[in-house]
């Protein structure tokens, strides 16, 4: 991990690190994780000529706990505050899962030039009841997510992560999971995860029709959080103004394509930025 820096904001403290030189990209992870989720993707973006800031969500990693609320709108405000703290835009925000919805909301700020959403919860999820009987991959993921939300149990969350990384795991999987478990067992961490899980993305979905910057949706073909990952990605784009959104599917990836297939995700992000922000 790079040297941790801290930003005091909204009566709390946000942890982040910055590497590289060039246009700013801010990476925001999903709930129940830390900024280390981008340990493979960030160096590839730096190598491509970007200044990359990776931040811990409120209540996660090295950021403080005890925040008044944990909504996507809150996280959007955190990300914008970090962009401003780092000198302002234009900046690109990359948000995974919970933070995908936050990126949509943050896009309303003039400092944000584009957003990338990876496996994003940007629309209010609807349980596909028929798929619960026909799609075991979807059913298992949903059950483990719901159990985590109810119990706040770290081991249950880790079992979800194991399922959400189908196929080959990253080489540092065991070490990474052990470190994450230690972090999540700190006082207040799983409470933050539970509160985020209870926060429906109504705010993010409402922001989609007013989106004013280019957006890329990256989704794993084996993401267990949706019965049909491609349909969810295309549904997000369909709710945006015409011509702003695009979809890239990462074959064989689960809910964490940036950790499973970082080179493929980096290629998709860099191509998108070349065609939009750099055009």
Protein backbone atom coordinates (compact mmCIF):
# COMPACT_ATOMS: atom_id res chain seq x y z
CA UNK A 1 0.00 0.00 0.00
CA UNK A 2 1.23 3.50 -0.78
CA UNK A 3 1.66 6.15 1.89
CA UNK A 4 -1.72 6.91 3.46
CA UNK A 5 -2.92 10.49 3.50
CA UNK A 6 -6.02 11.79 5.27
CA UNK A 7 -8.75 14.30 4.46
CA UNK A 8 -10.99 15.67 7.20
CA UNK A 9 -14.47 16.04 5.80
CA UNK A 10 -18.07 16.06 7.06
CA UNK A 11 -17.03 15.40 10.68
CA UNK A 12 -14.95 12.36 9.70
CA UNK A 13 -11.63 11.38 8.20
CA UNK A 14 -11.12 9.80 4.78
CA UNK A 15 -7.99 7.79 4.02
CA UNK A 16 -6.49 7.81 0.54
CA UNK A 17 -3.24 7.49 -1.39
CA UNK A 18 -2.04 9.10 -4.61
CA UNK A 19 0.43 7.84 -7.19
CA UNK A 20 1.50 8.95 -10.65
CA UNK A 21 1.38 12.17 -12.61
CA UNK A 22 -1.16 13.42 -15.13
CA UNK A 23 -4.94 13.78 -15.32
CA UNK A 24 -6.70 12.73 -12.12
CA UNK A 25 -8.56 9.44 -11.71
CA UNK A 26 -10.22 8.74 -8.35
CA UNK A 27 -10.90 5.09 -7.47
CA UNK A 28 -13.68 4.25 -5.00
CA UNK A 29 -14.23 0.65 -3.87
CA UNK A 30 -17.41 -1.17 -2.89
CA UNK A 31 -18.79 -1.84 0.57
CA UNK A 32 -17.00 -4.39 2.72
CA UNK A 33 -13.66 -3.76 1.02
CA UNK A 34 -10.78 -1.27 1.09
CA UNK A 35 -8.88 0.74 -1.49
CA UNK A 36 -6.54 -2.27 -1.82
CA UNK A 37 -9.23 -3.68 -4.11
CA UNK A 38 -7.55 -1.55 -6.81
CA UNK A 39 -4.03 -2.82 -6.07
CA UNK A 40 -3.76 -4.34 -9.57
CA UNK A 41 -5.67 -1.74 -11.60
CA UNK A 42 -4.12 1.44 -10.17
CA UNK A 43 -0.54 0.73 -11.35
CA UNK A 44 -1.78 0.11 -14.89
CA UNK A 45 -3.53 3.48 -14.96
CA UNK A 46 -0.44 5.19 -13.54
CA UNK A 47 1.68 3.50 -16.20
CA UNK A 48 -0.68 4.93 -18.82
CA UNK A 49 0.01 8.48 -17.63
CA UNK A 50 -2.62 9.20 -15.00
CA UNK A 51 -2.49 10.51 -11.45
CA UNK A 52 -4.46 7.96 -9.48
CA UNK A 53 -6.04 8.50 -6.06
CA UNK A 54 -7.54 5.49 -4.28
CA UNK A 55 -9.78 6.24 -1.31
CA UNK A 56 -11.26 4.18 1.52
CA UNK A 57 -15.01 4.60 1.89
CA UNK A 58 -16.27 6.16 5.10
CA UNK A 59 -16.23 3.49 7.79
CA UNK A 60 -13.85 1.27 5.77
CA UNK A 61 -10.11 0.60 5.65
CA UNK A 62 -8.24 3.41 7.35
CA UNK A 63 -11.10 5.92 7.16
CA UNK A 64 -12.88 6.76 10.39
CA UNK A 65 -16.07 5.11 11.65
CA UNK A 66 -19.08 6.66 13.34
CA UNK A 67 -20.37 8.74 10.43
CA UNK A 68 -23.94 10.00 10.70
CA UNK A 69 -25.00 8.19 7.52
CA UNK A 70 -23.65 5.99 4.76
CA UNK A 71 -25.59 6.69 1.57
CA UNK A 72 -24.38 6.91 -2.01
CA UNK A 73 -25.02 10.65 -1.88
CA UNK A 74 -22.70 10.85 1.15
CA UNK A 75 -19.98 8.98 -0.71
CA UNK A 76 -20.47 11.18 -3.79
CA UNK A 77 -19.83 14.19 -1.56
CA UNK A 78 -16.73 12.51 -0.17
CA UNK A 79 -15.37 11.88 -3.66
CA UNK A 80 -16.01 15.42 -4.82
CA UNK A 81 -14.33 16.74 -1.66
CA UNK A 82 -11.29 14.61 -2.45
CA UNK A 83 -11.18 15.86 -6.05
CA UNK A 84 -11.28 19.45 -4.80
CA UNK A 85 -8.65 18.70 -2.16
CA UNK A 86 -6.36 17.35 -4.87
CA UNK A 87 -6.61 20.51 -6.94
CA UNK A 88 -9.95 20.16 -8.69
CA UNK A 89 -10.83 18.66 -12.02
CA UNK A 90 -11.21 17.62 -14.59
CA UNK A 91 -11.29 14.24 -12.85
CA UNK A 92 -12.60 10.80 -13.71
CA UNK A 93 -14.32 8.83 -10.97
CA UNK A 94 -14.21 5.05 -11.02
CA UNK A 95 -16.72 3.51 -8.64
CA UNK A 96 -17.25 -0.17 -7.90
CA UNK A 97 -20.55 -1.67 -6.70
CA UNK A 98 -21.95 0.72 -4.03
CA UNK A 99 -19.61 3.43 -5.31
CA UNK A 100 -20.87 3.01 -8.86
CA UNK A 101 -24.05 4.73 -7.81
CA UNK A 102 -22.01 7.37 -5.99
CA UNK A 103 -20.08 8.09 -9.19
CA UNK A 104 -23.37 8.79 -10.99
CA UNK A 105 -24.35 11.33 -8.34
CA UNK A 106 -20.88 12.91 -8.21
CA UNK A 107 -20.99 13.41 -12.00
CA UNK A 108 -23.23 16.44 -11.45
CA UNK A 109 -20.22 18.34 -10.11
CA UNK A 110 -18.39 20.39 -12.78
CA UNK A 111 -15.02 18.95 -11.74
CA UNK A 112 -16.06 15.46 -12.90
CA UNK A 113 -15.37 14.82 -16.59
CA UNK A 114 -16.44 11.17 -16.84
CA UNK A 115 -17.40 8.17 -14.73
CA UNK A 116 -16.63 4.47 -14.87
CA UNK A 117 -18.93 2.14 -12.94
CA UNK A 118 -17.80 -1.43 -12.25
CA UNK A 119 -20.48 -3.93 -11.23
CA UNK A 120 -22.53 -0.94 -10.09
CA UNK A 121 -25.55 -0.80 -7.81
CA UNK A 122 -26.89 2.30 -9.53
CA UNK A 123 -30.52 1.21 -9.82
CA UNK A 124 -32.76 -0.12 -7.07
CA UNK A 125 -32.24 -3.90 -7.27
CA UNK A 126 -35.20 -6.14 -7.95
CA UNK A 127 -35.01 -9.78 -6.91
CA UNK A 128 -35.45 -12.08 -9.92
CA UNK A 129 -37.63 -14.64 -8.18
CA UNK A 130 -37.75 -17.00 -11.15
CA UNK A 131 -33.95 -17.06 -11.34
CA UNK A 132 -33.77 -18.09 -7.68
CA UNK A 133 -34.98 -21.50 -8.83
CA UNK A 134 -33.02 -21.75 -12.08
CA UNK A 135 -29.75 -19.88 -11.44
CA UNK A 136 -27.75 -21.34 -8.54
CA UNK A 137 -24.92 -18.82 -8.98
CA UNK A 138 -27.32 -15.92 -8.50
CA UNK A 139 -29.19 -17.63 -5.66
CA UNK A 140 -26.04 -18.37 -3.65
CA UNK A 141 -24.73 -14.82 -4.00
CA UNK A 142 -28.04 -13.28 -2.98
CA UNK A 143 -28.41 -15.51 0.08
CA UNK A 144 -24.90 -14.70 1.31
CA UNK A 145 -25.43 -10.98 0.76
CA UNK A 146 -28.71 -11.02 2.66
CA UNK A 147 -27.19 -13.01 5.52
CA UNK A 148 -24.36 -10.51 5.78
CA UNK A 149 -26.81 -7.64 5.90
CA UNK A 150 -28.82 -9.28 8.66
CA UNK A 151 -26.00 -10.62 10.83
CA UNK A 152 -23.04 -8.35 10.12
CA UNK A 153 -20.90 -11.47 10.33
CA UNK A 154 -17.41 -11.16 8.82
CA UNK A 155 -17.13 -14.84 7.92
CA UNK A 156 -20.43 -14.71 6.05
CA UNK A 157 -19.17 -11.73 4.08
CA UNK A 158 -15.95 -13.56 3.26
CA UNK A 159 -18.01 -16.48 1.97
CA UNK A 160 -19.82 -14.07 -0.33
CA UNK A 161 -16.48 -12.75 -1.60
CA UNK A 162 -15.31 -16.29 -2.31
CA UNK A 163 -18.42 -16.78 -4.44
CA UNK A 164 -18.11 -13.37 -6.11
CA UNK A 165 -14.66 -14.28 -7.46
CA UNK A 166 -15.61 -17.28 -9.64
CA UNK A 167 -12.82 -19.33 -11.15
CA UNK A 168 -9.22 -18.37 -10.50
CA UNK A 169 -8.52 -16.13 -7.52
CA UNK A 170 -5.80 -13.44 -7.42
CA UNK A 171 -2.38 -14.81 -6.44
CA UNK A 172 -2.51 -13.00 -3.08
CA UNK A 173 -6.05 -14.18 -2.27
CA UNK A 174 -5.38 -15.84 1.11
CA UNK A 175 -3.21 -12.98 2.36
CA UNK A 176 -5.67 -10.37 1.13
CA UNK A 177 -8.69 -12.07 2.71
CA UNK A 178 -6.91 -12.42 6.04
CA UNK A 179 -6.01 -8.72 6.05
CA UNK A 180 -9.55 -7.72 5.08
CA UNK A 181 -11.01 -9.90 7.85
CA UNK A 182 -8.78 -8.22 10.41
CA UNK A 183 -9.87 -4.78 9.24
CA UNK A 184 -13.57 -5.65 9.18
CA UNK A 185 -13.42 -6.96 12.76
CA UNK A 186 -12.38 -3.52 14.00
CA UNK A 187 -15.07 -1.74 15.98
CA UNK A 188 -17.71 -0.12 13.76
CA UNK A 189 -16.54 -1.55 10.42
CA UNK A 190 -19.27 -4.14 9.83
CA UNK A 191 -21.88 -1.68 11.12
CA UNK A 192 -20.85 0.62 8.29
CA UNK A 193 -21.17 -2.27 5.82
CA UNK A 194 -24.64 -3.07 7.11
CA UNK A 195 -25.77 0.55 6.87
CA UNK A 196 -24.51 0.79 3.30
CA UNK A 197 -26.30 -2.43 2.44
CA UNK A 198 -29.52 -1.00 3.85
CA UNK A 199 -29.20 2.16 1.74
CA UNK A 200 -31.17 1.62 -1.47
CA UNK A 201 -29.73 3.41 -4.54
CA UNK A 202 -32.82 5.51 -5.14
CA UNK A 203 -30.63 8.62 -5.15
CA UNK A 204 -28.32 7.19 -7.81
CA UNK A 205 -31.14 5.92 -10.00
CA UNK A 206 -32.80 9.34 -9.83
CA UNK A 207 -29.57 10.96 -11.06
CA UNK A 208 -29.26 8.81 -14.20
CA UNK A 209 -31.64 10.81 -16.47
CA UNK A 210 -29.75 14.03 -15.71
CA UNK A 211 -26.26 12.59 -16.24
CA UNK A 212 -24.18 15.05 -18.23
CA UNK A 213 -20.82 13.29 -18.72
CA UNK A 214 -19.72 10.13 -20.56
CA UNK A 215 -20.15 6.93 -18.57
CA UNK A 216 -18.73 3.43 -18.97
CA UNK A 217 -20.38 0.45 -17.29
CA UNK A 218 -18.08 -2.55 -16.79
CA UNK A 219 -19.72 -5.80 -15.76
CA UNK A 220 -18.47 -9.34 -15.27
CA UNK A 221 -20.38 -11.97 -17.21
CA UNK A 222 -20.47 -14.12 -14.04
CA UNK A 223 -21.40 -11.37 -11.58
CA UNK A 224 -23.63 -13.18 -9.05
CA UNK A 225 -25.41 -10.02 -7.94
CA UNK A 226 -27.72 -10.10 -10.95
CA UNK A 227 -29.54 -12.90 -12.70
CA UNK A 228 -28.56 -11.25 -15.99
CA UNK A 229 -25.50 -8.96 -15.57
CA UNK A 230 -25.58 -7.67 -19.15
CA UNK A 231 -29.25 -6.73 -18.86
CA UNK A 232 -28.50 -4.77 -15.69
CA UNK A 233 -25.63 -2.89 -17.34
CA UNK A 234 -27.73 -2.09 -20.40
CA UNK A 235 -30.61 -0.99 -18.17
CA UNK A 236 -28.36 1.53 -16.45
CA UNK A 237 -27.24 2.94 -19.80
CA UNK A 238 -30.82 3.06 -21.08
CA UNK A 239 -31.75 5.33 -18.16
CA UNK A 240 -29.05 7.85 -19.15
CA UNK A 241 -29.40 10.51 -21.83
CA UNK A 242 -28.88 8.95 -25.25
CA UNK A 243 -25.30 8.54 -26.38
CA UNK A 244 -23.56 9.03 -23.03
CA UNK A 245 -23.30 5.46 -21.78
CA UNK A 246 -21.54 2.35 -23.02
CA UNK A 247 -21.10 -1.20 -21.73
CA UNK A 248 -18.10 -3.52 -21.60
CA UNK A 249 -18.55 -7.09 -20.41
CA UNK A 250 -15.54 -8.91 -18.93
CA UNK A 251 -15.82 -12.59 -19.82
CA UNK A 252 -15.51 -14.95 -16.86
CA UNK A 253 -15.37 -12.19 -14.24
CA UNK A 254 -17.57 -12.05 -11.17
CA UNK A 255 -18.38 -8.94 -9.13
CA UNK A 256 -14.74 -7.85 -8.96
CA UNK A 257 -13.41 -7.75 -12.53
CA UNK A 258 -10.84 -5.07 -11.62
CA UNK A 259 -9.16 -7.58 -9.28
CA UNK A 260 -9.70 -10.72 -11.37
CA UNK A 261 -8.93 -9.27 -14.81
CA UNK A 262 -7.17 -5.94 -14.20
CA UNK A 263 -5.52 -5.73 -17.62
CA UNK A 264 -8.82 -6.21 -19.43
CA UNK A 265 -10.48 -3.61 -17.21
CA UNK A 266 -7.59 -1.18 -17.67
CA UNK A 267 -7.80 -1.59 -21.44
CA UNK A 268 -11.53 -0.85 -21.36
CA UNK A 269 -11.07 2.22 -19.14
CA UNK A 270 -8.19 3.64 -21.16
CA UNK A 271 -10.00 3.13 -24.46
CA UNK A 272 -13.08 4.84 -23.05
CA UNK A 273 -11.08 7.81 -21.79
CA UNK A 274 -9.22 8.14 -25.09
CA UNK A 275 -12.53 8.25 -27.00
CA UNK A 276 -14.32 10.62 -24.62
CA UNK A 277 -12.31 12.74 -22.20
CA UNK A 278 -9.25 12.99 -24.44
CA UNK A 279 -11.23 13.58 -27.63
